[in-house]
Amino acid sequence: STQSTWGAQGFHGQGFTAPNEIFARFFGALVGGFGPQGPVKDQPKTLYFTCTLEELYTGTTKRMKITKRHTAPTGKVTESEKMLEIEVKKGWKKGTKITFENEGDETPGHIPADYVFVLDEAPHERFTREGNDLAMRKSVPLADALSGFGFEVEALDGRRVEVKMTEIIGPKTVKTVRGEGMPCKTGRGNLVIRFDIQFPKKLRSKEEVAFLQGSRP
């Protein structure tokens, strides 16, 4: 039996095993989970949650419902539900992890697992995120690209950001509007605008012809 084996090693072998160690080994084997070092910590549970860019721009609160199993020493199992709140800070990025310690199932001889929530970003219809910058594409008719123009961009918080282009716009032109990107420790990133030039089916002026020739690699 287990008891006789440990007794032979502990009292008749070359080394002496302390009585409290024998007690821990014996009763740990009976309850399952306890060992010489105490209760065993269960493996963490990883879950994903999604935020829009608008939520990451302004900050928000996410409520996550979990179900916990409670196993009594008698073996009886009950369940309960709990709501965990995640305070999403401005500027958080995809992959950010939030840990709630010891919120897992409760089992005799075990320390409940941690819940680890991992942030994912939902795709946006207008913007893509590049670090702390927000990037977008703007379609521009060739006539406006040659003469200059202005337009507005709706920010993630609903503001209207005015952008003026006074120079000639080419296919490789990039406009940077400073301070209109995502929140970060140093303030805000930038808004980065790239342009798609809409060429007419027929060129109507020497300027348009020259522009098209100049845009060729």
N, C-alpha and C. Protein backbone atom coordinates (compact mmCIF):
# COMPACT_ATOMS: atom_id res chain seq x y z
N SER A 1 0.84 -1.19 0.00
CA SER A 1 0.00 0.00 0.00
C SER A 1 0.88 1.24 0.00
N THR A 2 0.26 2.41 -0.23
CA THR A 2 1.02 3.65 -0.21
C THR A 2 1.62 3.91 1.16
N GLN A 3 0.86 3.65 2.18
CA GLN A 3 1.33 3.92 3.54
C GLN A 3 2.55 3.07 3.90
N SER A 4 2.52 1.78 3.58
CA SER A 4 3.65 0.91 3.92
C SER A 4 4.89 1.25 3.11
N THR A 5 4.71 1.64 1.88
CA THR A 5 5.86 2.01 1.04
C THR A 5 6.58 3.22 1.61
N TRP A 6 5.80 4.28 1.93
CA TRP A 6 6.43 5.48 2.50
C TRP A 6 7.05 5.17 3.84
N GLY A 7 6.44 4.26 4.65
CA GLY A 7 7.00 3.92 5.95
C GLY A 7 8.34 3.23 5.82
N ALA A 8 8.47 2.37 4.83
CA ALA A 8 9.73 1.67 4.63
C ALA A 8 10.82 2.64 4.24
N GLN A 9 10.50 3.59 3.36
CA GLN A 9 11.53 4.55 2.93
C GLN A 9 11.85 5.54 4.05
N GLY A 10 10.84 5.88 4.82
CA GLY A 10 11.05 6.93 5.79
C GLY A 10 11.80 6.47 7.02
N PHE A 11 11.54 5.26 7.48
CA PHE A 11 12.11 4.85 8.76
C PHE A 11 13.15 3.75 8.64
N HIS A 12 13.19 3.03 7.54
CA HIS A 12 14.14 1.94 7.41
C HIS A 12 15.11 2.15 6.26
N GLY A 13 14.96 3.26 5.54
CA GLY A 13 15.89 3.51 4.44
C GLY A 13 17.09 4.26 4.94
N GLN A 14 17.87 4.78 3.98
CA GLN A 14 19.09 5.47 4.35
C GLN A 14 18.83 6.86 4.92
N GLY A 15 17.69 7.49 4.47
CA GLY A 15 17.39 8.84 4.95
C GLY A 15 16.14 8.84 5.80
N PHE A 16 16.04 9.79 6.73
CA PHE A 16 14.87 9.88 7.61
C PHE A 16 13.91 10.92 7.03
N THR A 17 12.63 10.55 6.92
CA THR A 17 11.61 11.46 6.44
C THR A 17 10.83 12.01 7.62
N ALA A 18 10.72 13.30 7.73
CA ALA A 18 10.04 13.93 8.85
C ALA A 18 8.57 13.55 8.85
N PRO A 19 7.96 13.41 10.02
CA PRO A 19 6.54 13.03 10.10
C PRO A 19 5.62 13.99 9.37
N ASN A 20 5.90 15.32 9.42
CA ASN A 20 5.01 16.25 8.74
C ASN A 20 5.07 16.10 7.23
N GLU A 21 6.24 15.68 6.69
CA GLU A 21 6.33 15.44 5.25
C GLU A 21 5.54 14.20 4.87
N ILE A 22 5.62 13.15 5.72
CA ILE A 22 4.82 11.95 5.46
C ILE A 22 3.35 12.32 5.46
N PHE A 23 2.92 13.16 6.41
CA PHE A 23 1.53 13.57 6.50
C PHE A 23 1.10 14.31 5.23
N ALA A 24 1.96 15.23 4.77
CA ALA A 24 1.62 16.02 3.58
C ALA A 24 1.51 15.13 2.35
N ARG A 25 2.44 14.19 2.20
CA ARG A 25 2.39 13.30 1.05
C ARG A 25 1.16 12.41 1.08
N PHE A 26 0.88 11.87 2.26
CA PHE A 26 -0.21 10.91 2.36
C PHE A 26 -1.56 11.59 2.13
N PHE A 27 -1.82 12.68 2.85
CA PHE A 27 -3.11 13.32 2.73
C PHE A 27 -3.21 14.12 1.44
N GLY A 28 -2.08 14.53 0.91
CA GLY A 28 -2.13 15.18 -0.40
C GLY A 28 -2.58 14.22 -1.47
N ALA A 29 -2.15 12.98 -1.39
CA ALA A 29 -2.56 11.99 -2.37
C ALA A 29 -4.04 11.69 -2.26
N LEU A 30 -4.61 11.78 -1.05
CA LEU A 30 -6.01 11.47 -0.85
C LEU A 30 -6.92 12.55 -1.42
N VAL A 31 -6.59 13.84 -1.21
CA VAL A 31 -7.48 14.91 -1.65
C VAL A 31 -7.20 15.30 -3.09
N GLY A 32 -6.04 15.03 -3.59
CA GLY A 32 -5.71 15.38 -4.97
C GLY A 32 -5.43 16.86 -5.10
N GLY A 33 -4.25 17.24 -5.45
CA GLY A 33 -3.90 18.64 -5.64
C GLY A 33 -2.91 19.14 -4.62
N PHE A 34 -3.01 18.73 -3.39
CA PHE A 34 -2.02 19.13 -2.39
C PHE A 34 -0.74 18.32 -2.57
N GLY A 35 0.37 18.94 -2.32
CA GLY A 35 1.65 18.27 -2.36
C GLY A 35 2.52 18.84 -1.28
N PRO A 36 3.80 18.52 -1.31
CA PRO A 36 4.71 19.07 -0.30
C PRO A 36 4.72 20.59 -0.28
N GLN A 37 4.41 21.22 -1.43
CA GLN A 37 4.44 22.67 -1.50
C GLN A 37 3.07 23.30 -1.30
N GLY A 38 2.02 22.53 -1.04
CA GLY A 38 0.69 23.09 -0.82
C GLY A 38 -0.21 22.93 -2.03
N PRO A 39 -1.33 23.69 -2.08
CA PRO A 39 -2.29 23.57 -3.18
C PRO A 39 -1.67 23.89 -4.54
N VAL A 40 -2.25 23.32 -5.57
CA VAL A 40 -1.77 23.52 -6.95
C VAL A 40 -2.60 24.60 -7.63
N LYS A 41 -1.93 25.52 -8.29
CA LYS A 41 -2.61 26.60 -9.02
C LYS A 41 -3.09 26.08 -10.36
N ASP A 42 -4.38 26.24 -10.66
CA ASP A 42 -4.92 25.80 -11.95
C ASP A 42 -4.40 26.68 -13.08
N GLN A 43 -4.37 26.11 -14.30
CA GLN A 43 -3.88 26.84 -15.47
C GLN A 43 -4.82 28.00 -15.80
N PRO A 44 -4.27 29.13 -16.26
CA PRO A 44 -5.12 30.30 -16.57
C PRO A 44 -6.07 30.03 -17.72
N LYS A 45 -7.19 30.73 -17.69
CA LYS A 45 -8.17 30.66 -18.76
C LYS A 45 -8.07 31.93 -19.59
N THR A 46 -7.84 31.78 -20.89
CA THR A 46 -7.65 32.93 -21.77
C THR A 46 -8.88 33.15 -22.64
N LEU A 47 -9.41 34.36 -22.61
CA LEU A 47 -10.56 34.74 -23.43
C LEU A 47 -10.24 36.02 -24.17
N TYR A 48 -10.89 36.22 -25.31
CA TYR A 48 -10.68 37.42 -26.13
C TYR A 48 -11.92 38.32 -26.08
N PHE A 49 -11.69 39.62 -26.12
CA PHE A 49 -12.80 40.57 -26.24
C PHE A 49 -12.42 41.63 -27.27
N THR A 50 -13.43 42.19 -27.91
CA THR A 50 -13.22 43.09 -29.04
C THR A 50 -13.67 44.50 -28.72
N CYS A 51 -12.86 45.47 -29.15
CA CYS A 51 -13.21 46.88 -29.04
C CYS A 51 -13.13 47.54 -30.41
N THR A 52 -14.00 48.52 -30.63
CA THR A 52 -13.91 49.32 -31.84
C THR A 52 -12.82 50.38 -31.66
N LEU A 53 -12.40 50.97 -32.76
CA LEU A 53 -11.43 52.06 -32.66
C LEU A 53 -12.02 53.25 -31.89
N GLU A 54 -13.33 53.47 -32.04
CA GLU A 54 -13.97 54.54 -31.29
C GLU A 54 -13.85 54.30 -29.79
N GLU A 55 -14.06 53.05 -29.36
CA GLU A 55 -13.95 52.72 -27.93
C GLU A 55 -12.51 52.88 -27.43
N LEU A 56 -11.55 52.51 -28.26
CA LEU A 56 -10.16 52.64 -27.87
C LEU A 56 -9.69 54.10 -27.92
N TYR A 57 -10.39 54.93 -28.66
CA TYR A 57 -10.06 56.35 -28.75
C TYR A 57 -10.53 57.10 -27.50
N THR A 58 -11.74 56.77 -27.04
CA THR A 58 -12.33 57.50 -25.92
C THR A 58 -12.22 56.77 -24.59
N GLY A 59 -11.97 55.45 -24.63
CA GLY A 59 -12.01 54.64 -23.42
C GLY A 59 -13.43 54.15 -23.18
N THR A 60 -13.56 53.00 -22.55
CA THR A 60 -14.88 52.43 -22.31
C THR A 60 -14.79 51.38 -21.21
N THR A 61 -15.93 50.83 -20.84
CA THR A 61 -16.00 49.74 -19.86
C THR A 61 -16.63 48.53 -20.51
N LYS A 62 -15.96 47.40 -20.43
CA LYS A 62 -16.48 46.15 -20.95
C LYS A 62 -16.86 45.24 -19.77
N ARG A 63 -18.04 44.65 -19.85
CA ARG A 63 -18.50 43.74 -18.81
C ARG A 63 -18.52 42.32 -19.37
N MET A 64 -17.79 41.44 -18.71
CA MET A 64 -17.64 40.06 -19.16
C MET A 64 -18.24 39.12 -18.12
N LYS A 65 -19.22 38.31 -18.54
CA LYS A 65 -19.85 37.38 -17.62
C LYS A 65 -19.15 36.03 -17.67
N ILE A 66 -18.80 35.50 -16.49
CA ILE A 66 -18.16 34.19 -16.39
C ILE A 66 -19.01 33.28 -15.52
N THR A 67 -18.86 31.98 -15.70
CA THR A 67 -19.55 30.98 -14.88
C THR A 67 -18.50 30.21 -14.09
N LYS A 68 -18.69 30.17 -12.76
CA LYS A 68 -17.74 29.50 -11.88
C LYS A 68 -18.37 28.22 -11.34
N ARG A 69 -17.59 27.14 -11.35
CA ARG A 69 -18.01 25.88 -10.76
C ARG A 69 -17.40 25.75 -9.36
N HIS A 70 -18.22 25.36 -8.41
CA HIS A 70 -17.77 25.22 -7.03
C HIS A 70 -17.93 23.75 -6.63
N THR A 71 -16.81 23.09 -6.38
CA THR A 71 -16.83 21.69 -5.98
C THR A 71 -16.55 21.59 -4.49
N ALA A 72 -17.53 21.08 -3.74
CA ALA A 72 -17.38 20.92 -2.30
C ALA A 72 -16.53 19.69 -1.99
N PRO A 73 -15.96 19.60 -0.77
CA PRO A 73 -15.19 18.41 -0.39
C PRO A 73 -15.99 17.13 -0.51
N THR A 74 -17.32 17.24 -0.43
CA THR A 74 -18.17 16.05 -0.58
C THR A 74 -18.33 15.63 -2.02
N GLY A 75 -17.88 16.50 -2.96
CA GLY A 75 -18.03 16.19 -4.38
C GLY A 75 -19.21 16.88 -5.04
N LYS A 76 -20.05 17.53 -4.27
CA LYS A 76 -21.19 18.25 -4.83
C LYS A 76 -20.72 19.46 -5.61
N VAL A 77 -21.30 19.65 -6.81
CA VAL A 77 -20.89 20.74 -7.70
C VAL A 77 -22.04 21.73 -7.86
N THR A 78 -21.76 23.00 -7.66
CA THR A 78 -22.72 24.07 -7.92
C THR A 78 -22.07 25.09 -8.85
N GLU A 79 -22.89 25.93 -9.46
CA GLU A 79 -22.39 26.95 -10.37
C GLU A 79 -22.92 28.32 -9.98
N SER A 80 -22.14 29.33 -10.28
CA SER A 80 -22.57 30.71 -10.06
C SER A 80 -22.04 31.57 -11.19
N GLU A 81 -22.72 32.67 -11.44
CA GLU A 81 -22.29 33.61 -12.47
C GLU A 81 -21.74 34.87 -11.83
N LYS A 82 -20.75 35.44 -12.49
CA LYS A 82 -20.13 36.67 -11.98
C LYS A 82 -19.80 37.59 -13.14
N MET A 83 -19.99 38.88 -12.94
CA MET A 83 -19.68 39.87 -13.96
C MET A 83 -18.35 40.54 -13.64
N LEU A 84 -17.42 40.46 -14.58
CA LEU A 84 -16.13 41.12 -14.42
C LEU A 84 -16.11 42.38 -15.28
N GLU A 85 -15.58 43.46 -14.74
CA GLU A 85 -15.53 44.73 -15.47
C GLU A 85 -14.10 45.04 -15.90
N ILE A 86 -13.94 45.36 -17.17
CA ILE A 86 -12.65 45.76 -17.72
C ILE A 86 -12.71 47.25 -18.06
N GLU A 87 -11.91 48.03 -17.38
CA GLU A 87 -11.84 49.47 -17.67
C GLU A 87 -10.83 49.68 -18.80
N VAL A 88 -11.34 49.82 -20.01
CA VAL A 88 -10.48 49.98 -21.18
C VAL A 88 -9.97 51.41 -21.23
N LYS A 89 -8.66 51.56 -21.19
CA LYS A 89 -8.05 52.89 -21.19
C LYS A 89 -7.88 53.42 -22.62
N LYS A 90 -7.85 54.73 -22.73
CA LYS A 90 -7.63 55.36 -24.03
C LYS A 90 -6.31 54.90 -24.63
N GLY A 91 -6.35 54.51 -25.91
CA GLY A 91 -5.12 54.17 -26.61
C GLY A 91 -4.66 52.75 -26.46
N TRP A 92 -5.37 51.91 -25.69
CA TRP A 92 -4.97 50.51 -25.59
C TRP A 92 -4.87 49.89 -26.97
N LYS A 93 -3.94 48.94 -27.11
CA LYS A 93 -3.68 48.32 -28.41
C LYS A 93 -4.08 46.86 -28.42
N LYS A 94 -4.21 46.34 -29.62
CA LYS A 94 -4.50 44.92 -29.79
C LYS A 94 -3.42 44.09 -29.09
N GLY A 95 -3.87 43.07 -28.36
CA GLY A 95 -2.94 42.22 -27.63
C GLY A 95 -2.78 42.60 -26.16
N THR A 96 -3.34 43.74 -25.75
CA THR A 96 -3.28 44.12 -24.33
C THR A 96 -3.97 43.05 -23.50
N LYS A 97 -3.35 42.67 -22.37
CA LYS A 97 -3.89 41.60 -21.52
C LYS A 97 -4.31 42.16 -20.16
N ILE A 98 -5.47 41.70 -19.70
CA ILE A 98 -5.99 42.09 -18.40
C ILE A 98 -6.25 40.81 -17.62
N THR A 99 -5.70 40.71 -16.40
CA THR A 99 -5.78 39.47 -15.62
C THR A 99 -6.65 39.68 -14.38
N PHE A 100 -7.59 38.77 -14.17
CA PHE A 100 -8.37 38.71 -12.94
C PHE A 100 -7.92 37.46 -12.18
N GLU A 101 -7.28 37.67 -11.06
CA GLU A 101 -6.67 36.55 -10.35
C GLU A 101 -7.71 35.73 -9.58
N ASN A 102 -7.51 34.40 -9.63
CA ASN A 102 -8.27 33.44 -8.81
C ASN A 102 -9.78 33.52 -9.04
N GLU A 103 -10.20 33.77 -10.26
CA GLU A 103 -11.62 33.84 -10.58
C GLU A 103 -12.13 32.56 -11.26
N GLY A 104 -11.28 31.54 -11.35
CA GLY A 104 -11.68 30.29 -12.00
C GLY A 104 -12.48 29.39 -11.08
N ASP A 105 -12.69 28.15 -11.53
CA ASP A 105 -13.46 27.18 -10.76
C ASP A 105 -12.79 26.89 -9.42
N GLU A 106 -13.62 26.61 -8.42
CA GLU A 106 -13.12 26.31 -7.08
C GLU A 106 -13.20 24.81 -6.83
N THR A 107 -12.04 24.19 -6.59
CA THR A 107 -11.94 22.75 -6.37
C THR A 107 -11.06 22.51 -5.15
N PRO A 108 -11.43 21.58 -4.26
CA PRO A 108 -10.59 21.30 -3.09
C PRO A 108 -9.17 20.94 -3.49
N GLY A 109 -8.20 21.53 -2.80
CA GLY A 109 -6.80 21.24 -3.09
C GLY A 109 -6.22 22.03 -4.24
N HIS A 110 -7.01 22.96 -4.79
CA HIS A 110 -6.53 23.75 -5.93
C HIS A 110 -6.75 25.23 -5.67
N ILE A 111 -5.84 26.05 -6.18
CA ILE A 111 -6.03 27.50 -6.20
C ILE A 111 -6.72 27.83 -7.52
N PRO A 112 -7.85 28.55 -7.48
CA PRO A 112 -8.58 28.83 -8.72
C PRO A 112 -7.71 29.50 -9.78
N ALA A 113 -8.00 29.21 -11.02
CA ALA A 113 -7.24 29.77 -12.14
C ALA A 113 -7.49 31.26 -12.28
N ASP A 114 -6.55 31.94 -12.94
CA ASP A 114 -6.75 33.33 -13.32
C ASP A 114 -7.51 33.39 -14.64
N TYR A 115 -8.30 34.43 -14.81
CA TYR A 115 -8.91 34.73 -16.10
C TYR A 115 -8.05 35.79 -16.78
N VAL A 116 -7.61 35.52 -18.01
CA VAL A 116 -6.81 36.47 -18.78
C VAL A 116 -7.61 36.88 -20.01
N PHE A 117 -7.95 38.15 -20.09
CA PHE A 117 -8.69 38.68 -21.24
C PHE A 117 -7.72 39.41 -22.17
N VAL A 118 -7.78 39.08 -23.46
CA VAL A 118 -6.87 39.64 -24.46
C VAL A 118 -7.67 40.52 -25.42
N LEU A 119 -7.19 41.74 -25.60
CA LEU A 119 -7.89 42.72 -26.43
C LEU A 119 -7.67 42.47 -27.92
N ASP A 120 -8.76 42.55 -28.67
CA ASP A 120 -8.69 42.50 -30.13
C ASP A 120 -9.37 43.75 -30.67
N GLU A 121 -8.91 44.23 -31.84
CA GLU A 121 -9.48 45.43 -32.45
C GLU A 121 -10.41 45.05 -33.59
N ALA A 122 -11.58 45.65 -33.61
CA ALA A 122 -12.52 45.42 -34.71
C ALA A 122 -12.07 46.22 -35.93
N PRO A 123 -12.22 45.67 -37.14
CA PRO A 123 -11.89 46.44 -38.35
C PRO A 123 -12.76 47.69 -38.43
N HIS A 124 -12.18 48.76 -39.00
CA HIS A 124 -12.90 50.03 -39.13
C HIS A 124 -13.12 50.33 -40.60
N GLU A 125 -14.24 50.98 -40.90
CA GLU A 125 -14.59 51.24 -42.29
C GLU A 125 -13.74 52.34 -42.93
N ARG A 126 -13.16 53.22 -42.11
CA ARG A 126 -12.40 54.34 -42.68
C ARG A 126 -10.93 54.34 -42.30
N PHE A 127 -10.62 53.90 -41.09
CA PHE A 127 -9.26 54.01 -40.58
C PHE A 127 -8.62 52.64 -40.38
N THR A 128 -7.31 52.61 -40.53
CA THR A 128 -6.51 51.48 -40.06
C THR A 128 -5.49 52.06 -39.07
N ARG A 129 -5.12 51.25 -38.10
CA ARG A 129 -4.22 51.72 -37.07
C ARG A 129 -2.79 51.32 -37.40
N GLU A 130 -1.88 52.28 -37.31
CA GLU A 130 -0.46 52.04 -37.53
C GLU A 130 0.28 52.54 -36.29
N GLY A 131 0.39 51.67 -35.29
CA GLY A 131 0.97 52.09 -34.02
C GLY A 131 0.03 53.08 -33.35
N ASN A 132 0.52 54.29 -33.10
CA ASN A 132 -0.34 55.34 -32.53
C ASN A 132 -0.97 56.23 -33.59
N ASP A 133 -0.68 55.97 -34.86
CA ASP A 133 -1.24 56.76 -35.95
C ASP A 133 -2.51 56.11 -36.49
N LEU A 134 -3.36 56.95 -37.07
CA LEU A 134 -4.52 56.47 -37.81
C LEU A 134 -4.28 56.77 -39.29
N ALA A 135 -4.46 55.77 -40.13
CA ALA A 135 -4.23 55.93 -41.57
C ALA A 135 -5.54 55.78 -42.32
N MET A 136 -5.67 56.54 -43.39
CA MET A 136 -6.87 56.47 -44.23
C MET A 136 -6.48 56.79 -45.67
N ARG A 137 -7.40 56.47 -46.59
CA ARG A 137 -7.20 56.78 -48.00
C ARG A 137 -8.31 57.72 -48.44
N LYS A 138 -7.93 58.66 -49.31
CA LYS A 138 -8.85 59.66 -49.81
C LYS A 138 -8.83 59.66 -51.34
N SER A 139 -10.00 59.49 -51.96
CA SER A 139 -10.09 59.54 -53.42
C SER A 139 -10.19 60.99 -53.86
N VAL A 140 -9.39 61.34 -54.88
CA VAL A 140 -9.33 62.73 -55.34
C VAL A 140 -9.43 62.76 -56.86
N PRO A 141 -10.40 63.54 -57.41
CA PRO A 141 -10.43 63.72 -58.86
C PRO A 141 -9.16 64.41 -59.34
N LEU A 142 -8.75 64.10 -60.54
CA LEU A 142 -7.51 64.65 -61.07
C LEU A 142 -7.52 66.18 -61.07
N ALA A 143 -8.67 66.78 -61.39
CA ALA A 143 -8.74 68.25 -61.44
C ALA A 143 -8.42 68.85 -60.07
N ASP A 144 -8.92 68.24 -58.99
CA ASP A 144 -8.62 68.75 -57.65
C ASP A 144 -7.16 68.50 -57.28
N ALA A 145 -6.62 67.37 -57.72
CA ALA A 145 -5.23 67.06 -57.43
C ALA A 145 -4.30 68.09 -58.04
N LEU A 146 -4.70 68.68 -59.17
CA LEU A 146 -3.87 69.66 -59.86
C LEU A 146 -4.04 71.07 -59.31
N SER A 147 -5.21 71.37 -58.76
CA SER A 147 -5.51 72.76 -58.40
C SER A 147 -5.55 73.03 -56.91
N GLY A 148 -5.52 71.99 -56.09
CA GLY A 148 -5.66 72.17 -54.65
C GLY A 148 -7.12 72.06 -54.23
N PHE A 149 -7.34 71.67 -53.01
CA PHE A 149 -8.71 71.46 -52.54
C PHE A 149 -8.68 71.31 -51.02
N GLY A 150 -9.85 71.25 -50.43
CA GLY A 150 -9.98 71.03 -49.00
C GLY A 150 -11.07 70.00 -48.73
N PHE A 151 -11.01 69.36 -47.58
CA PHE A 151 -12.03 68.38 -47.22
C PHE A 151 -12.03 68.19 -45.71
N GLU A 152 -13.04 67.54 -45.22
CA GLU A 152 -13.15 67.27 -43.79
C GLU A 152 -13.07 65.78 -43.52
N VAL A 153 -12.48 65.45 -42.37
CA VAL A 153 -12.40 64.06 -41.92
C VAL A 153 -13.12 63.97 -40.57
N GLU A 154 -14.04 63.04 -40.47
CA GLU A 154 -14.73 62.84 -39.21
C GLU A 154 -13.84 62.04 -38.27
N ALA A 155 -13.46 62.63 -37.15
CA ALA A 155 -12.60 61.95 -36.18
C ALA A 155 -13.38 60.88 -35.44
N LEU A 156 -12.67 60.03 -34.71
CA LEU A 156 -13.30 58.93 -34.00
C LEU A 156 -14.21 59.40 -32.87
N ASP A 157 -14.03 60.65 -32.40
CA ASP A 157 -14.90 61.19 -31.37
C ASP A 157 -15.99 62.08 -31.95
N GLY A 158 -16.14 62.07 -33.28
CA GLY A 158 -17.21 62.81 -33.93
C GLY A 158 -16.85 64.21 -34.39
N ARG A 159 -15.69 64.71 -34.03
CA ARG A 159 -15.27 66.04 -34.48
C ARG A 159 -15.02 66.05 -35.98
N ARG A 160 -15.15 67.23 -36.57
CA ARG A 160 -14.84 67.40 -37.99
C ARG A 160 -13.47 68.07 -38.10
N VAL A 161 -12.51 67.35 -38.68
CA VAL A 161 -11.15 67.85 -38.84
C VAL A 161 -10.97 68.37 -40.26
N GLU A 162 -10.64 69.65 -40.39
CA GLU A 162 -10.49 70.27 -41.71
C GLU A 162 -9.07 70.05 -42.23
N VAL A 163 -8.99 69.61 -43.47
CA VAL A 163 -7.70 69.37 -44.12
C VAL A 163 -7.65 70.19 -45.40
N LYS A 164 -6.58 70.98 -45.57
CA LYS A 164 -6.41 71.79 -46.77
C LYS A 164 -5.18 71.32 -47.53
N MET A 165 -5.34 71.15 -48.84
CA MET A 165 -4.24 70.74 -49.71
C MET A 165 -4.00 71.88 -50.71
N THR A 166 -2.86 72.53 -50.56
CA THR A 166 -2.53 73.64 -51.45
C THR A 166 -1.55 73.24 -52.54
N GLU A 167 -0.85 72.11 -52.32
CA GLU A 167 0.13 71.68 -53.31
C GLU A 167 -0.50 70.67 -54.27
N ILE A 168 0.19 70.42 -55.37
CA ILE A 168 -0.28 69.40 -56.31
C ILE A 168 -0.16 68.03 -55.66
N ILE A 169 -1.21 67.24 -55.83
CA ILE A 169 -1.27 65.92 -55.21
C ILE A 169 -0.92 64.86 -56.24
N GLY A 170 0.04 64.01 -55.88
CA GLY A 170 0.42 62.89 -56.73
C GLY A 170 0.06 61.57 -56.07
N PRO A 171 0.20 60.47 -56.80
CA PRO A 171 -0.14 59.15 -56.24
C PRO A 171 0.67 58.77 -55.02
N LYS A 172 1.85 59.39 -54.85
CA LYS A 172 2.70 59.05 -53.70
C LYS A 172 2.65 60.10 -52.59
N THR A 173 1.77 61.09 -52.74
CA THR A 173 1.66 62.14 -51.73
C THR A 173 1.06 61.58 -50.44
N VAL A 174 1.64 61.98 -49.32
CA VAL A 174 1.12 61.60 -48.00
C VAL A 174 0.94 62.87 -47.19
N LYS A 175 -0.26 63.07 -46.67
CA LYS A 175 -0.57 64.22 -45.84
C LYS A 175 -0.63 63.77 -44.38
N THR A 176 0.13 64.44 -43.51
CA THR A 176 0.14 64.11 -42.09
C THR A 176 -0.50 65.25 -41.30
N VAL A 177 -1.55 64.92 -40.57
CA VAL A 177 -2.21 65.90 -39.69
C VAL A 177 -1.81 65.54 -38.26
N ARG A 178 -0.96 66.34 -37.68
CA ARG A 178 -0.38 66.00 -36.38
C ARG A 178 -1.42 66.11 -35.25
N GLY A 179 -1.32 65.16 -34.33
CA GLY A 179 -2.17 65.20 -33.15
C GLY A 179 -3.59 64.70 -33.35
N GLU A 180 -3.87 64.07 -34.48
CA GLU A 180 -5.21 63.57 -34.74
C GLU A 180 -5.25 62.04 -34.84
N GLY A 181 -4.26 61.41 -34.23
CA GLY A 181 -4.24 59.95 -34.20
C GLY A 181 -4.78 59.41 -32.89
N MET A 182 -4.30 58.24 -32.48
CA MET A 182 -4.77 57.59 -31.26
C MET A 182 -4.09 58.19 -30.03
N PRO A 183 -4.79 58.20 -28.89
CA PRO A 183 -4.16 58.66 -27.65
C PRO A 183 -2.97 57.78 -27.28
N CYS A 184 -1.94 58.40 -26.71
CA CYS A 184 -0.76 57.67 -26.25
C CYS A 184 -0.15 58.42 -25.08
N LYS A 185 0.92 57.89 -24.52
CA LYS A 185 1.53 58.48 -23.32
C LYS A 185 2.04 59.90 -23.57
N THR A 186 2.46 60.17 -24.79
CA THR A 186 3.02 61.49 -25.10
C THR A 186 1.99 62.44 -25.69
N GLY A 187 0.73 62.05 -25.74
CA GLY A 187 -0.32 62.90 -26.31
C GLY A 187 -1.20 62.14 -27.26
N ARG A 188 -1.02 62.40 -28.54
CA ARG A 188 -1.75 61.67 -29.58
C ARG A 188 -0.84 61.44 -30.78
N GLY A 189 -1.12 60.35 -31.48
CA GLY A 189 -0.42 60.10 -32.73
C GLY A 189 -0.94 61.01 -33.82
N ASN A 190 -0.63 60.69 -35.07
CA ASN A 190 -1.00 61.53 -36.20
C ASN A 190 -2.04 60.86 -37.08
N LEU A 191 -2.72 61.67 -37.86
CA LEU A 191 -3.60 61.18 -38.92
C LEU A 191 -2.80 61.18 -40.21
N VAL A 192 -2.70 60.03 -40.84
CA VAL A 192 -1.90 59.88 -42.07
C VAL A 192 -2.86 59.61 -43.23
N ILE A 193 -2.84 60.51 -44.22
CA ILE A 193 -3.77 60.41 -45.34
C ILE A 193 -2.99 60.11 -46.63
N ARG A 194 -3.38 59.05 -47.30
CA ARG A 194 -2.82 58.70 -48.61
C ARG A 194 -3.92 58.87 -49.66
N PHE A 195 -3.52 59.14 -50.89
CA PHE A 195 -4.49 59.56 -51.90
C PHE A 195 -4.57 58.57 -53.06
N ASP A 196 -5.78 58.42 -53.54
CA ASP A 196 -6.04 57.66 -54.76
C ASP A 196 -6.54 58.66 -55.80
N ILE A 197 -5.73 58.88 -56.84
CA ILE A 197 -6.08 59.85 -57.88
C ILE A 197 -7.04 59.20 -58.86
N GLN A 198 -8.16 59.89 -59.12
CA GLN A 198 -9.16 59.41 -60.08
C GLN A 198 -8.89 60.07 -61.42
N PHE A 199 -8.38 59.29 -62.35
CA PHE A 199 -8.07 59.81 -63.67
C PHE A 199 -9.30 59.71 -64.58
N PRO A 200 -9.56 60.75 -65.36
CA PRO A 200 -10.69 60.68 -66.30
C PRO A 200 -10.36 59.72 -67.45
N LYS A 201 -11.40 59.29 -68.12
CA LYS A 201 -11.18 58.37 -69.24
C LYS A 201 -10.45 59.07 -70.39
N LYS A 202 -10.69 60.39 -70.54
CA LYS A 202 -10.00 61.16 -71.57
C LYS A 202 -9.34 62.37 -70.91
N LEU A 203 -8.08 62.58 -71.23
CA LEU A 203 -7.38 63.76 -70.72
C LEU A 203 -7.77 64.98 -71.52
N ARG A 204 -7.99 66.09 -70.79
CA ARG A 204 -8.53 67.28 -71.44
C ARG A 204 -7.56 68.45 -71.51
N SER A 205 -6.39 68.34 -70.91
CA SER A 205 -5.48 69.49 -70.92
C SER A 205 -4.04 69.00 -70.91
N LYS A 206 -3.13 69.90 -71.29
CA LYS A 206 -1.71 69.58 -71.25
C LYS A 206 -1.25 69.30 -69.82
N GLU A 207 -1.86 70.02 -68.84
CA GLU A 207 -1.49 69.80 -67.45
C GLU A 207 -1.81 68.37 -67.01
N GLU A 208 -2.97 67.87 -67.43
CA GLU A 208 -3.35 66.52 -67.07
C GLU A 208 -2.43 65.50 -67.71
N VAL A 209 -2.06 65.75 -68.98
CA VAL A 209 -1.14 64.84 -69.67
C VAL A 209 0.21 64.84 -68.96
N ALA A 210 0.72 66.03 -68.63
CA ALA A 210 2.02 66.13 -67.96
C ALA A 210 1.97 65.45 -66.59
N PHE A 211 0.87 65.62 -65.88
CA PHE A 211 0.73 65.00 -64.56
C PHE A 211 0.77 63.48 -64.68
N LEU A 212 0.06 62.94 -65.64
CA LEU A 212 0.02 61.50 -65.82
C LEU A 212 1.41 60.97 -66.20
N GLN A 213 2.10 61.69 -67.06
CA GLN A 213 3.44 61.27 -67.45
C GLN A 213 4.40 61.34 -66.26
N GLY A 214 4.24 62.35 -65.43
CA GLY A 214 5.12 62.50 -64.27
C GLY A 214 4.87 61.45 -63.21
N SER A 215 3.69 60.85 -63.16
CA SER A 215 3.38 59.87 -62.14
C SER A 215 3.84 58.47 -62.51
N ARG A 216 4.30 58.31 -63.75
CA ARG A 216 4.77 56.99 -64.15
C ARG A 216 6.14 56.70 -63.52
N PRO A 217 6.37 55.46 -63.11
CA PRO A 217 7.67 55.12 -62.52
C PRO A 217 8.79 55.24 -63.53
